[in-house]
Amino acid sequence: MEHVLIDRLSGVFPSAEPPFPYLIGSFRRSMEESRRVLSMKDLFVRSEIESAIKQAKRLLVSYSRIHVCNPDMFAVGKPTAGKPTTSELLDLIFSEVASSLDGSNSLGSGFSYPPWFLEQLFSEGDAERLEPVMNVLYEKLRASVERVSVLGNFQQPLRAL
């Protein structure tokens, strides 16, 4: 699995989607497959597939963390669709805290992120490696709260912060 993932992220496929959205999409797919496996009758096959899915999710989160800490490592120096990694994380956080009350003025990319991804991304990470990314992310979140009017969509940036 890891060799396939490395090949996909290495930038060999020029028309492929950027690394972070690919990793998140793969994580979402693994969540969907986990739900499908629950209906399997053969317990041995079911446990083997569940184990493989758990390993795949762990691998995807690990590579996402690597990408967040070292955004130039994948896609052979190409920036991720012109967006810095902290912007992708900001979209992820805004998506996580979005509510139906935010309306059409909702912040973020509109991309729906899989449940539990954000928690897993930051729960097992090395604090020293994540610290520079988290500092930049905090400053962007703080600036987004300062920019918004009390009459505007202030709840989502405040929840994100």
N, C-alpha and C. Protein backbone atom coordinates (compact mmCIF):
# COMPACT_ATOMS: atom_id res chain seq x y z
N MET A 1 0.81 -1.19 0.00
CA MET A 1 0.00 0.00 0.00
C MET A 1 0.86 1.26 0.00
N GLU A 2 1.90 1.22 0.81
CA GLU A 2 2.73 2.42 0.93
C GLU A 2 3.44 2.74 -0.38
N HIS A 3 3.86 1.73 -1.12
CA HIS A 3 4.53 1.98 -2.40
C HIS A 3 3.59 2.64 -3.39
N VAL A 4 2.36 2.21 -3.42
CA VAL A 4 1.37 2.81 -4.31
C VAL A 4 1.13 4.26 -3.92
N LEU A 5 1.02 4.51 -2.63
CA LEU A 5 0.80 5.86 -2.14
C LEU A 5 1.98 6.77 -2.48
N ILE A 6 3.18 6.29 -2.29
CA ILE A 6 4.38 7.08 -2.61
C ILE A 6 4.44 7.38 -4.10
N ASP A 7 4.15 6.38 -4.93
CA ASP A 7 4.14 6.61 -6.38
C ASP A 7 3.11 7.66 -6.76
N ARG A 8 1.95 7.59 -6.16
CA ARG A 8 0.88 8.53 -6.49
C ARG A 8 1.24 9.96 -6.05
N LEU A 9 1.88 10.10 -4.90
CA LEU A 9 2.21 11.42 -4.37
C LEU A 9 3.50 11.99 -4.94
N SER A 10 4.28 11.18 -5.64
CA SER A 10 5.59 11.62 -6.10
C SER A 10 5.55 12.63 -7.24
N GLY A 11 4.40 12.82 -7.86
CA GLY A 11 4.30 13.78 -8.94
C GLY A 11 4.52 13.17 -10.30
N VAL A 12 4.56 11.86 -10.40
CA VAL A 12 4.76 11.18 -11.67
C VAL A 12 3.55 11.37 -12.59
N PHE A 13 2.38 11.56 -11.99
CA PHE A 13 1.14 11.72 -12.75
C PHE A 13 0.78 13.20 -12.78
N PRO A 14 1.15 13.91 -13.84
CA PRO A 14 0.99 15.37 -13.86
C PRO A 14 -0.46 15.84 -13.80
N SER A 15 -1.41 15.07 -14.30
CA SER A 15 -2.80 15.54 -14.32
C SER A 15 -3.58 15.10 -13.08
N ALA A 16 -2.91 14.46 -12.13
CA ALA A 16 -3.58 13.98 -10.91
C ALA A 16 -3.89 15.14 -9.98
N GLU A 17 -4.88 14.93 -9.11
CA GLU A 17 -5.24 15.98 -8.15
C GLU A 17 -4.10 16.19 -7.15
N PRO A 18 -4.06 17.35 -6.52
CA PRO A 18 -2.99 17.66 -5.56
C PRO A 18 -2.95 16.68 -4.39
N PRO A 19 -1.82 16.58 -3.71
CA PRO A 19 -1.65 15.56 -2.65
C PRO A 19 -2.65 15.63 -1.51
N PHE A 20 -2.87 16.80 -0.93
CA PHE A 20 -3.73 16.88 0.25
C PHE A 20 -5.18 16.48 -0.06
N PRO A 21 -5.79 17.02 -1.11
CA PRO A 21 -7.14 16.55 -1.45
C PRO A 21 -7.19 15.05 -1.79
N TYR A 22 -6.13 14.54 -2.41
CA TYR A 22 -6.09 13.11 -2.71
C TYR A 22 -6.07 12.29 -1.42
N LEU A 23 -5.25 12.69 -0.46
CA LEU A 23 -5.15 11.96 0.81
C LEU A 23 -6.48 12.02 1.57
N ILE A 24 -7.11 13.18 1.57
CA ILE A 24 -8.39 13.32 2.26
C ILE A 24 -9.47 12.49 1.56
N GLY A 25 -9.48 12.52 0.25
CA GLY A 25 -10.44 11.71 -0.50
C GLY A 25 -10.25 10.22 -0.26
N SER A 26 -9.01 9.80 -0.17
CA SER A 26 -8.71 8.40 0.11
C SER A 26 -9.16 8.02 1.52
N PHE A 27 -8.97 8.94 2.46
CA PHE A 27 -9.42 8.69 3.83
C PHE A 27 -10.94 8.55 3.86
N ARG A 28 -11.64 9.42 3.13
CA ARG A 28 -13.10 9.34 3.05
C ARG A 28 -13.53 7.98 2.47
N ARG A 29 -12.85 7.57 1.43
CA ARG A 29 -13.18 6.28 0.81
C ARG A 29 -12.96 5.13 1.79
N SER A 30 -11.90 5.20 2.59
CA SER A 30 -11.66 4.15 3.58
C SER A 30 -12.76 4.13 4.64
N MET A 31 -13.29 5.31 4.98
CA MET A 31 -14.41 5.37 5.93
C MET A 31 -15.65 4.71 5.32
N GLU A 32 -15.90 4.97 4.04
CA GLU A 32 -17.05 4.36 3.36
C GLU A 32 -16.89 2.84 3.29
N GLU A 33 -15.69 2.39 2.99
CA GLU A 33 -15.44 0.95 2.91
C GLU A 33 -15.61 0.29 4.28
N SER A 34 -15.25 0.99 5.34
CA SER A 34 -15.43 0.45 6.71
C SER A 34 -16.90 0.17 6.98
N ARG A 35 -17.76 1.08 6.53
CA ARG A 35 -19.19 0.88 6.73
C ARG A 35 -19.71 -0.30 5.90
N ARG A 36 -19.19 -0.47 4.70
CA ARG A 36 -19.64 -1.58 3.84
C ARG A 36 -19.23 -2.93 4.41
N VAL A 37 -18.08 -2.98 5.02
CA VAL A 37 -17.55 -4.24 5.54
C VAL A 37 -18.41 -4.77 6.69
N LEU A 38 -19.07 -3.89 7.41
CA LEU A 38 -19.87 -4.30 8.56
C LEU A 38 -20.97 -5.30 8.20
N SER A 39 -21.40 -5.31 6.95
CA SER A 39 -22.46 -6.23 6.55
C SER A 39 -21.95 -7.60 6.09
N MET A 40 -20.64 -7.80 6.11
CA MET A 40 -20.08 -9.09 5.67
C MET A 40 -20.37 -10.18 6.69
N LYS A 41 -20.69 -11.36 6.20
CA LYS A 41 -21.04 -12.47 7.09
C LYS A 41 -19.82 -13.27 7.55
N ASP A 42 -18.83 -13.42 6.69
CA ASP A 42 -17.63 -14.19 7.03
C ASP A 42 -16.76 -13.34 7.98
N LEU A 43 -16.70 -13.73 9.24
CA LEU A 43 -16.00 -12.94 10.25
C LEU A 43 -14.50 -12.86 10.02
N PHE A 44 -13.91 -13.94 9.50
CA PHE A 44 -12.47 -13.93 9.25
C PHE A 44 -12.12 -12.93 8.15
N VAL A 45 -12.85 -13.00 7.04
CA VAL A 45 -12.60 -12.06 5.93
C VAL A 45 -12.88 -10.63 6.39
N ARG A 46 -13.96 -10.48 7.15
CA ARG A 46 -14.32 -9.16 7.66
C ARG A 46 -13.21 -8.57 8.53
N SER A 47 -12.65 -9.36 9.43
CA SER A 47 -11.59 -8.85 10.30
C SER A 47 -10.32 -8.53 9.52
N GLU A 48 -10.02 -9.32 8.50
CA GLU A 48 -8.85 -9.04 7.66
C GLU A 48 -9.01 -7.73 6.90
N ILE A 49 -10.20 -7.52 6.35
CA ILE A 49 -10.45 -6.28 5.60
C ILE A 49 -10.46 -5.08 6.55
N GLU A 50 -11.07 -5.24 7.72
CA GLU A 50 -11.07 -4.15 8.70
C GLU A 50 -9.66 -3.78 9.13
N SER A 51 -8.82 -4.78 9.28
CA SER A 51 -7.42 -4.54 9.65
C SER A 51 -6.69 -3.77 8.54
N ALA A 52 -6.94 -4.16 7.29
CA ALA A 52 -6.30 -3.48 6.16
C ALA A 52 -6.78 -2.03 6.05
N ILE A 53 -8.08 -1.82 6.29
CA ILE A 53 -8.63 -0.47 6.23
C ILE A 53 -8.06 0.39 7.35
N LYS A 54 -7.93 -0.17 8.54
CA LYS A 54 -7.36 0.57 9.67
C LYS A 54 -5.92 0.96 9.36
N GLN A 55 -5.17 0.04 8.77
CA GLN A 55 -3.78 0.33 8.40
C GLN A 55 -3.73 1.41 7.32
N ALA A 56 -4.64 1.33 6.35
CA ALA A 56 -4.67 2.33 5.28
C ALA A 56 -5.00 3.71 5.84
N LYS A 57 -5.96 3.79 6.77
CA LYS A 57 -6.32 5.08 7.37
C LYS A 57 -5.14 5.66 8.13
N ARG A 58 -4.45 4.82 8.88
CA ARG A 58 -3.28 5.28 9.64
C ARG A 58 -2.21 5.81 8.69
N LEU A 59 -2.00 5.11 7.59
CA LEU A 59 -1.02 5.51 6.60
C LEU A 59 -1.41 6.83 5.93
N LEU A 60 -2.67 6.98 5.60
CA LEU A 60 -3.14 8.21 4.97
C LEU A 60 -3.01 9.42 5.90
N VAL A 61 -3.33 9.23 7.16
CA VAL A 61 -3.18 10.31 8.14
C VAL A 61 -1.71 10.64 8.32
N SER A 62 -0.87 9.64 8.37
CA SER A 62 0.56 9.86 8.53
C SER A 62 1.14 10.66 7.35
N TYR A 63 0.76 10.29 6.13
CA TYR A 63 1.25 11.01 4.96
C TYR A 63 0.65 12.41 4.88
N SER A 64 -0.57 12.57 5.37
CA SER A 64 -1.17 13.92 5.43
C SER A 64 -0.37 14.79 6.38
N ARG A 65 0.02 14.23 7.51
CA ARG A 65 0.83 14.96 8.48
C ARG A 65 2.19 15.32 7.87
N ILE A 66 2.79 14.38 7.15
CA ILE A 66 4.06 14.66 6.48
C ILE A 66 3.90 15.78 5.48
N HIS A 67 2.80 15.75 4.72
CA HIS A 67 2.56 16.80 3.73
C HIS A 67 2.34 18.16 4.39
N VAL A 68 1.64 18.18 5.50
CA VAL A 68 1.38 19.43 6.21
C VAL A 68 2.69 20.03 6.73
N CYS A 69 3.55 19.19 7.25
CA CYS A 69 4.82 19.68 7.81
C CYS A 69 5.86 19.96 6.73
N ASN A 70 5.79 19.28 5.61
CA ASN A 70 6.76 19.44 4.52
C ASN A 70 6.02 19.53 3.19
N PRO A 71 5.36 20.64 2.90
CA PRO A 71 4.52 20.72 1.70
C PRO A 71 5.26 20.56 0.38
N ASP A 72 6.56 20.81 0.36
CA ASP A 72 7.32 20.68 -0.89
C ASP A 72 7.81 19.26 -1.14
N MET A 73 7.55 18.36 -0.21
CA MET A 73 8.06 17.00 -0.34
C MET A 73 7.38 16.23 -1.48
N PHE A 74 6.09 16.46 -1.67
CA PHE A 74 5.35 15.75 -2.71
C PHE A 74 5.10 16.68 -3.89
N ALA A 75 4.74 16.10 -4.99
CA ALA A 75 4.41 16.81 -6.23
C ALA A 75 5.61 17.56 -6.79
N VAL A 76 6.79 17.07 -6.54
CA VAL A 76 8.04 17.54 -7.11
C VAL A 76 8.12 19.06 -7.16
N GLY A 77 7.98 19.68 -5.99
CA GLY A 77 8.16 21.11 -5.87
C GLY A 77 7.00 21.95 -6.35
N LYS A 78 5.96 21.33 -6.95
CA LYS A 78 4.81 22.11 -7.38
C LYS A 78 3.99 22.46 -6.15
N PRO A 79 3.60 23.72 -5.97
CA PRO A 79 2.72 24.03 -4.86
C PRO A 79 1.37 23.37 -5.08
N THR A 80 0.70 23.03 -4.02
CA THR A 80 -0.56 22.31 -4.09
C THR A 80 -1.63 23.21 -4.67
N ALA A 81 -1.82 23.15 -5.97
CA ALA A 81 -2.84 23.90 -6.69
C ALA A 81 -2.80 25.39 -6.33
N GLY A 82 -1.60 25.90 -6.10
CA GLY A 82 -1.44 27.31 -5.80
C GLY A 82 -1.83 27.70 -4.39
N LYS A 83 -2.17 26.73 -3.55
CA LYS A 83 -2.59 27.04 -2.18
C LYS A 83 -1.56 26.51 -1.20
N PRO A 84 -1.14 27.33 -0.25
CA PRO A 84 -0.25 26.82 0.77
C PRO A 84 -0.98 25.82 1.66
N THR A 85 -0.24 24.93 2.30
CA THR A 85 -0.81 23.89 3.12
C THR A 85 -1.63 24.47 4.27
N THR A 86 -1.19 25.60 4.84
CA THR A 86 -1.96 26.16 5.94
C THR A 86 -3.34 26.60 5.47
N SER A 87 -3.47 27.03 4.21
CA SER A 87 -4.79 27.37 3.68
C SER A 87 -5.66 26.13 3.58
N GLU A 88 -5.07 25.02 3.21
CA GLU A 88 -5.82 23.77 3.15
C GLU A 88 -6.27 23.36 4.55
N LEU A 89 -5.40 23.53 5.53
CA LEU A 89 -5.78 23.22 6.92
C LEU A 89 -6.85 24.17 7.42
N LEU A 90 -6.75 25.43 7.03
CA LEU A 90 -7.75 26.40 7.42
C LEU A 90 -9.12 26.01 6.85
N ASP A 91 -9.15 25.60 5.59
CA ASP A 91 -10.40 25.11 4.99
C ASP A 91 -10.93 23.91 5.76
N LEU A 92 -10.03 23.03 6.15
CA LEU A 92 -10.41 21.84 6.90
C LEU A 92 -11.03 22.22 8.24
N ILE A 93 -10.44 23.16 8.93
CA ILE A 93 -10.96 23.59 10.24
C ILE A 93 -12.29 24.32 10.07
N PHE A 94 -12.39 25.20 9.08
CA PHE A 94 -13.65 25.90 8.84
C PHE A 94 -14.76 24.91 8.48
N SER A 95 -14.43 23.90 7.72
CA SER A 95 -15.41 22.88 7.37
C SER A 95 -15.85 22.11 8.61
N GLU A 96 -14.92 21.84 9.50
CA GLU A 96 -15.21 21.09 10.72
C GLU A 96 -16.16 21.85 11.65
N VAL A 97 -16.02 23.17 11.72
CA VAL A 97 -16.83 23.95 12.65
C VAL A 97 -18.05 24.59 11.98
N ALA A 98 -18.26 24.35 10.69
CA ALA A 98 -19.38 24.95 9.98
C ALA A 98 -20.70 24.41 10.52
N SER A 99 -21.68 25.26 10.52
CA SER A 99 -23.03 24.84 10.91
C SER A 99 -24.02 25.37 9.89
N SER A 100 -25.23 24.90 9.96
CA SER A 100 -26.26 25.35 9.03
C SER A 100 -26.60 26.82 9.24
N LEU A 101 -26.30 27.36 10.41
CA LEU A 101 -26.58 28.76 10.70
C LEU A 101 -25.63 29.71 9.97
N ASP A 102 -24.50 29.18 9.49
CA ASP A 102 -23.52 30.02 8.80
C ASP A 102 -24.03 30.49 7.44
N GLY A 103 -24.95 29.74 6.85
CA GLY A 103 -25.58 30.13 5.59
C GLY A 103 -24.64 30.08 4.42
N SER A 104 -24.99 30.84 3.39
CA SER A 104 -24.22 30.81 2.15
C SER A 104 -22.89 31.57 2.27
N ASN A 105 -22.72 32.33 3.31
CA ASN A 105 -21.49 33.09 3.52
C ASN A 105 -20.48 32.25 4.31
N SER A 106 -20.61 30.96 4.23
CA SER A 106 -19.74 30.06 4.97
C SER A 106 -18.31 30.13 4.44
N LEU A 107 -17.36 30.07 5.35
CA LEU A 107 -15.95 30.12 4.98
C LEU A 107 -15.46 28.72 4.62
N GLY A 108 -14.32 28.63 4.01
CA GLY A 108 -13.76 27.34 3.62
C GLY A 108 -14.01 27.09 2.15
N SER A 109 -13.58 25.95 1.71
CA SER A 109 -13.63 25.63 0.29
C SER A 109 -14.95 25.05 -0.16
N GLY A 110 -15.79 24.66 0.77
CA GLY A 110 -17.03 24.00 0.41
C GLY A 110 -16.84 22.50 0.26
N PHE A 111 -15.62 22.05 0.34
CA PHE A 111 -15.28 20.63 0.26
C PHE A 111 -15.64 19.98 1.59
N SER A 112 -16.36 18.90 1.58
CA SER A 112 -16.73 18.28 2.85
C SER A 112 -15.64 17.30 3.25
N TYR A 113 -15.16 17.47 4.44
CA TYR A 113 -14.07 16.64 4.94
C TYR A 113 -14.64 15.47 5.71
N PRO A 114 -13.95 14.33 5.69
CA PRO A 114 -14.45 13.15 6.40
C PRO A 114 -14.39 13.33 7.91
N PRO A 115 -15.35 12.72 8.62
CA PRO A 115 -15.32 12.83 10.07
C PRO A 115 -14.07 12.19 10.66
N TRP A 116 -13.62 12.70 11.74
CA TRP A 116 -12.48 12.20 12.52
C TRP A 116 -11.13 12.47 11.88
N PHE A 117 -11.09 13.00 10.68
CA PHE A 117 -9.80 13.21 10.02
C PHE A 117 -8.96 14.23 10.77
N LEU A 118 -9.57 15.35 11.12
CA LEU A 118 -8.84 16.42 11.80
C LEU A 118 -8.29 15.96 13.14
N GLU A 119 -9.11 15.24 13.90
CA GLU A 119 -8.66 14.72 15.20
C GLU A 119 -7.47 13.79 15.03
N GLN A 120 -7.55 12.89 14.06
CA GLN A 120 -6.45 11.95 13.86
C GLN A 120 -5.21 12.64 13.33
N LEU A 121 -5.40 13.68 12.54
CA LEU A 121 -4.26 14.40 11.98
C LEU A 121 -3.41 15.03 13.07
N PHE A 122 -4.06 15.58 14.10
CA PHE A 122 -3.32 16.27 15.14
C PHE A 122 -3.10 15.45 16.40
N SER A 123 -3.78 14.34 16.56
CA SER A 123 -3.68 13.58 17.81
C SER A 123 -2.36 12.85 17.98
N GLU A 124 -1.83 12.29 16.92
CA GLU A 124 -0.62 11.49 17.04
C GLU A 124 0.62 12.20 16.50
N GLY A 125 0.46 13.44 16.12
CA GLY A 125 1.57 14.16 15.50
C GLY A 125 2.66 14.56 16.47
N ASP A 126 3.84 14.70 15.94
CA ASP A 126 4.98 15.18 16.70
C ASP A 126 4.81 16.69 16.91
N ALA A 127 4.68 17.11 18.16
CA ALA A 127 4.38 18.51 18.48
C ALA A 127 5.45 19.46 17.94
N GLU A 128 6.70 19.05 17.97
CA GLU A 128 7.77 19.93 17.49
C GLU A 128 7.67 20.17 15.99
N ARG A 129 7.32 19.13 15.23
CA ARG A 129 7.21 19.29 13.78
C ARG A 129 5.96 20.08 13.41
N LEU A 130 4.90 19.93 14.19
CA LEU A 130 3.65 20.62 13.89
C LEU A 130 3.62 22.06 14.40
N GLU A 131 4.52 22.40 15.32
CA GLU A 131 4.49 23.73 15.94
C GLU A 131 4.58 24.88 14.92
N PRO A 132 5.51 24.87 13.97
CA PRO A 132 5.56 25.99 13.01
C PRO A 132 4.28 26.10 12.18
N VAL A 133 3.72 24.98 11.79
CA VAL A 133 2.48 24.99 11.02
C VAL A 133 1.34 25.52 11.88
N MET A 134 1.28 25.08 13.12
CA MET A 134 0.22 25.53 14.02
C MET A 134 0.34 27.02 14.34
N ASN A 135 1.55 27.54 14.44
CA ASN A 135 1.73 28.98 14.67
C ASN A 135 1.19 29.80 13.51
N VAL A 136 1.50 29.40 12.28
CA VAL A 136 1.00 30.10 11.10
C VAL A 136 -0.52 29.97 11.03
N LEU A 137 -1.02 28.78 11.31
CA LEU A 137 -2.46 28.53 11.29
C LEU A 137 -3.17 29.40 12.33
N TYR A 138 -2.60 29.49 13.52
CA TYR A 138 -3.19 30.32 14.58
C TYR A 138 -3.24 31.78 14.15
N GLU A 139 -2.16 32.27 13.56
CA GLU A 139 -2.13 33.66 13.12
C GLU A 139 -3.18 33.93 12.05
N LYS A 140 -3.35 32.99 11.13
CA LYS A 140 -4.38 33.16 10.09
C LYS A 140 -5.78 33.13 10.70
N LEU A 141 -6.00 32.24 11.65
CA LEU A 141 -7.31 32.18 12.32
C LEU A 141 -7.57 33.46 13.11
N ARG A 142 -6.56 33.93 13.80
CA ARG A 142 -6.70 35.17 14.57
C ARG A 142 -7.01 36.34 13.65
N ALA A 143 -6.32 36.41 12.53
CA ALA A 143 -6.56 37.49 11.56
C ALA A 143 -7.96 37.39 10.97
N SER A 144 -8.44 36.17 10.75
CA SER A 144 -9.79 36.02 10.19
C SER A 144 -10.85 36.48 11.18
N VAL A 145 -10.60 36.30 12.46
CA VAL A 145 -11.54 36.78 13.49
C VAL A 145 -11.49 38.30 13.56
N GLU A 146 -10.31 38.87 13.47
CA GLU A 146 -10.18 40.33 13.54
C GLU A 146 -10.80 41.03 12.34
N ARG A 147 -10.76 40.40 11.17
CA ARG A 147 -11.26 41.01 9.93
C ARG A 147 -12.78 41.05 9.85
N VAL A 148 -13.44 40.13 10.48
CA VAL A 148 -14.88 39.98 10.27
C VAL A 148 -15.68 40.94 11.17
N SER A 149 -16.76 41.43 10.65
CA SER A 149 -17.63 42.35 11.39
C SER A 149 -18.57 41.56 12.29
N VAL A 150 -18.99 42.17 13.37
CA VAL A 150 -19.95 41.54 14.27
C VAL A 150 -21.28 41.34 13.55
N LEU A 151 -21.54 42.14 12.54
CA LEU A 151 -22.76 42.01 11.76
C LEU A 151 -22.65 40.94 10.69
N GLY A 152 -21.45 40.45 10.44
CA GLY A 152 -21.23 39.44 9.41
C GLY A 152 -21.13 38.04 9.98
N ASN A 153 -20.46 37.19 9.25
CA ASN A 153 -20.27 35.80 9.65
C ASN A 153 -19.09 35.71 10.62
N PHE A 154 -19.32 36.06 11.87
CA PHE A 154 -18.24 36.06 12.85
C PHE A 154 -18.19 34.75 13.64
N GLN A 155 -19.28 34.00 13.65
CA GLN A 155 -19.33 32.79 14.48
C GLN A 155 -18.40 31.70 13.99
N GLN A 156 -18.35 31.48 12.69
CA GLN A 156 -17.50 30.41 12.17
C GLN A 156 -16.02 30.67 12.43
N PRO A 157 -15.47 31.85 12.15
CA PRO A 157 -14.07 32.09 12.49
C PRO A 157 -13.79 31.99 13.98
N LEU A 158 -14.74 32.46 14.79
CA LEU A 158 -14.56 32.40 16.24
C LEU A 158 -14.57 30.94 16.73
N ARG A 159 -15.47 30.12 16.21
CA ARG A 159 -15.49 28.70 16.56
C ARG A 159 -14.20 28.01 16.11
N ALA A 160 -13.72 28.39 14.93
CA ALA A 160 -12.49 27.78 14.42
C ALA A 160 -11.30 28.14 15.29
N LEU A 161 -11.24 29.37 15.74
CA LEU A 161 -10.13 29.80 16.58
C LEU A 161 -10.18 29.06 17.91
